[in-house]
Amino acid sequence: MIGALAVGRDDASGLEERPGGFDETLTRIQAIVERLESGDLSLEESLKLFEEGMTLVRSADKTLQEAELRIERLLSGGDRESLDEAEFLES
């Protein structure tokens, strides 16, 4: 499966994007949608692509949810160490 996204934890940022990256996943989802909308695929090919697309969408959604939680923690001051690091990076 091209563009699969795996996210894990690392000590510094809390999130670590692994090879395949979020942007590549979105690009692959877009390509799948375009192929499905073309109408040039057999039923079997369409189902296979749809399944791959749904797997990628779930993965991307999980990544976004984790990022949202991290942002919420940073804004609420719940993760002071990461907040200090974020402020340092902005300056």
C-alpha atoms as a PDB file:
ATOM      1  CA  MET A   1       0.000   0.000   0.000  1.00  0.00           C
ATOM      2  CA  ILE A   2       1.536   3.310  -1.069  1.00  0.00           C
ATOM      3  CA  GLY A   3       1.459   6.220   1.314  1.00  0.00           C
ATOM      4  CA  ALA A   4       0.653   4.311   4.466  1.00  0.00           C
ATOM      5  CA  LEU A   5       1.105   6.464   7.500  1.00  0.00           C
ATOM      6  CA  ALA A   6       2.404   5.324  10.838  1.00  0.00           C
ATOM      7  CA  VAL A   7       2.593   7.600  13.799  1.00  0.00           C
ATOM      8  CA  GLY A   8       4.447   6.876  16.966  1.00  0.00           C
ATOM      9  CA  ARG A   9       5.659   8.791  19.965  1.00  0.00           C
ATOM     10  CA  ASP A  10       9.020  10.369  20.447  1.00  0.00           C
ATOM     11  CA  ASP A  11      10.259  12.072  23.588  1.00  0.00           C
ATOM     12  CA  ALA A  12      10.803  15.545  22.153  1.00  0.00           C
ATOM     13  CA  SER A  13       7.619  16.327  20.242  1.00  0.00           C
ATOM     14  CA  GLY A  14       5.131  13.712  21.369  1.00  0.00           C
ATOM     15  CA  LEU A  15       4.362  12.833  17.748  1.00  0.00           C
ATOM     16  CA  GLU A  16       6.652  11.329  15.190  1.00  0.00           C
ATOM     17  CA  GLU A  17       5.688  11.073  11.549  1.00  0.00           C
ATOM     18  CA  ARG A  18       7.286   8.050   9.914  1.00  0.00           C
ATOM     19  CA  PRO A  19       8.071   7.416   6.248  1.00  0.00           C
ATOM     20  CA  GLY A  20       5.076   7.848   4.044  1.00  0.00           C
ATOM     21  CA  GLY A  21       4.146  11.067   5.792  1.00  0.00           C
ATOM     22  CA  PHE A  22       0.790  12.735   6.194  1.00  0.00           C
ATOM     23  CA  ASP A  23       1.099  14.761   2.982  1.00  0.00           C
ATOM     24  CA  GLU A  24       1.912  11.663   0.950  1.00  0.00           C
ATOM     25  CA  THR A  25      -1.110   9.923   2.461  1.00  0.00           C
ATOM     26  CA  LEU A  26      -3.394  12.775   1.437  1.00  0.00           C
ATOM     27  CA  THR A  27      -1.918  12.741  -2.069  1.00  0.00           C
ATOM     28  CA  ARG A  28      -2.581   9.000  -2.337  1.00  0.00           C
ATOM     29  CA  ILE A  29      -6.171   9.435  -1.097  1.00  0.00           C
ATOM     30  CA  GLN A  30      -6.739  12.112  -3.737  1.00  0.00           C
ATOM     31  CA  ALA A  31      -5.339   9.832  -6.465  1.00  0.00           C
ATOM     32  CA  ILE A  32      -7.631   7.013  -5.331  1.00  0.00           C
ATOM     33  CA  VAL A  33     -10.684   9.292  -5.409  1.00  0.00           C
ATOM     34  CA  GLU A  34      -9.803  10.467  -8.918  1.00  0.00           C
ATOM     35  CA  ARG A  35      -9.416   6.875 -10.156  1.00  0.00           C
ATOM     36  CA  LEU A  36     -12.698   5.825  -8.568  1.00  0.00           C
ATOM     37  CA  GLU A  37     -14.512   8.829 -10.057  1.00  0.00           C
ATOM     38  CA  SER A  38     -13.144   8.055 -13.527  1.00  0.00           C
ATOM     39  CA  GLY A  39     -15.459   5.067 -13.803  1.00  0.00           C
ATOM     40  CA  ASP A  40     -12.855   3.132 -15.791  1.00  0.00           C
ATOM     41  CA  LEU A  41     -12.299   0.424 -13.170  1.00  0.00           C
ATOM     42  CA  SER A  42     -13.828  -2.980 -12.732  1.00  0.00           C
ATOM     43  CA  LEU A  43     -15.893  -3.634  -9.642  1.00  0.00           C
ATOM     44  CA  GLU A  44     -13.043  -5.644  -8.108  1.00  0.00           C
ATOM     45  CA  GLU A  45     -10.484  -2.891  -8.787  1.00  0.00           C
ATOM     46  CA  SER A  46     -12.875  -0.287  -7.381  1.00  0.00           C
ATOM     47  CA  LEU A  47     -13.415  -2.280  -4.198  1.00  0.00           C
ATOM     48  CA  LYS A  48      -9.688  -2.783  -3.747  1.00  0.00           C
ATOM     49  CA  LEU A  49      -8.974   0.935  -4.147  1.00  0.00           C
ATOM     50  CA  PHE A  50     -11.889   1.866  -1.902  1.00  0.00           C
ATOM     51  CA  GLU A  51     -10.542  -0.409   0.817  1.00  0.00           C
ATOM     52  CA  GLU A  52      -7.061   1.108   0.518  1.00  0.00           C
ATOM     53  CA  GLY A  53      -8.539   4.601   0.620  1.00  0.00           C
ATOM     54  CA  MET A  54     -10.546   3.885   3.759  1.00  0.00           C
ATOM     55  CA  THR A  55      -7.453   2.498   5.488  1.00  0.00           C
ATOM     56  CA  LEU A  56      -5.544   5.658   4.589  1.00  0.00           C
ATOM     57  CA  VAL A  57      -8.418   7.911   5.706  1.00  0.00           C
ATOM     58  CA  ARG A  58      -8.571   6.186   9.094  1.00  0.00           C
ATOM     59  CA  SER A  59      -4.828   6.566   9.508  1.00  0.00           C
ATOM     60  CA  ALA A  60      -4.891  10.249   8.556  1.00  0.00           C
ATOM     61  CA  ASP A  61      -7.827  10.850  10.900  1.00  0.00           C
ATOM     62  CA  LYS A  62      -5.936   9.254  13.780  1.00  0.00           C
ATOM     63  CA  THR A  63      -2.943  11.479  13.074  1.00  0.00           C
ATOM     64  CA  LEU A  64      -5.147  14.579  13.055  1.00  0.00           C
ATOM     65  CA  GLN A  65      -6.836  13.571  16.308  1.00  0.00           C
ATOM     66  CA  GLU A  66      -3.459  13.096  17.998  1.00  0.00           C
ATOM     67  CA  ALA A  67      -2.270  16.473  16.733  1.00  0.00           C
ATOM     68  CA  GLU A  68      -5.469  18.137  17.956  1.00  0.00           C
ATOM     69  CA  LEU A  69      -5.055  16.635  21.429  1.00  0.00           C
ATOM     70  CA  ARG A  70      -1.471  17.820  21.575  1.00  0.00           C
ATOM     71  CA  ILE A  71      -2.496  21.351  20.570  1.00  0.00           C
ATOM     72  CA  GLU A  72      -5.231  21.358  23.204  1.00  0.00           C
ATOM     73  CA  ARG A  73      -2.696  20.289  25.858  1.00  0.00           C
ATOM     74  CA  LEU A  74      -0.280  22.978  24.741  1.00  0.00           C
ATOM     75  CA  LEU A  75      -2.943  25.674  24.852  1.00  0.00           C
ATOM     76  CA  SER A  76      -4.197  24.596  28.269  1.00  0.00           C
ATOM     77  CA  GLY A  77      -0.670  24.558  29.697  1.00  0.00           C
ATOM     78  CA  GLY A  78      -0.909  20.859  30.492  1.00  0.00           C
ATOM     79  CA  ASP A  79       2.370  20.081  28.783  1.00  0.00           C
ATOM     80  CA  ARG A  80       4.639  22.875  30.004  1.00  0.00           C
ATOM     81  CA  GLU A  81       7.872  21.378  28.645  1.00  0.00           C
ATOM     82  CA  SER A  82       6.485  21.052  25.108  1.00  0.00           C
ATOM     83  CA  LEU A  83       4.939  24.527  25.353  1.00  0.00           C
ATOM     84  CA  ASP A  84       8.315  26.043  26.256  1.00  0.00           C
ATOM     85  CA  GLU A  85       9.859  24.235  23.291  1.00  0.00           C
ATOM     86  CA  ALA A  86       7.097  25.484  20.949  1.00  0.00           C
ATOM     87  CA  GLU A  87       7.583  29.081  22.149  1.00  0.00           C
ATOM     88  CA  PHE A  88      11.354  28.749  21.581  1.00  0.00           C
ATOM     89  CA  LEU A  89      10.826  27.466  18.051  1.00  0.00           C
ATOM     90  CA  GLU A  90       8.518  30.395  17.202  1.00  0.00           C
ATOM     91  CA  SER A  91      11.106  33.051  18.131  1.00  0.00           C
END
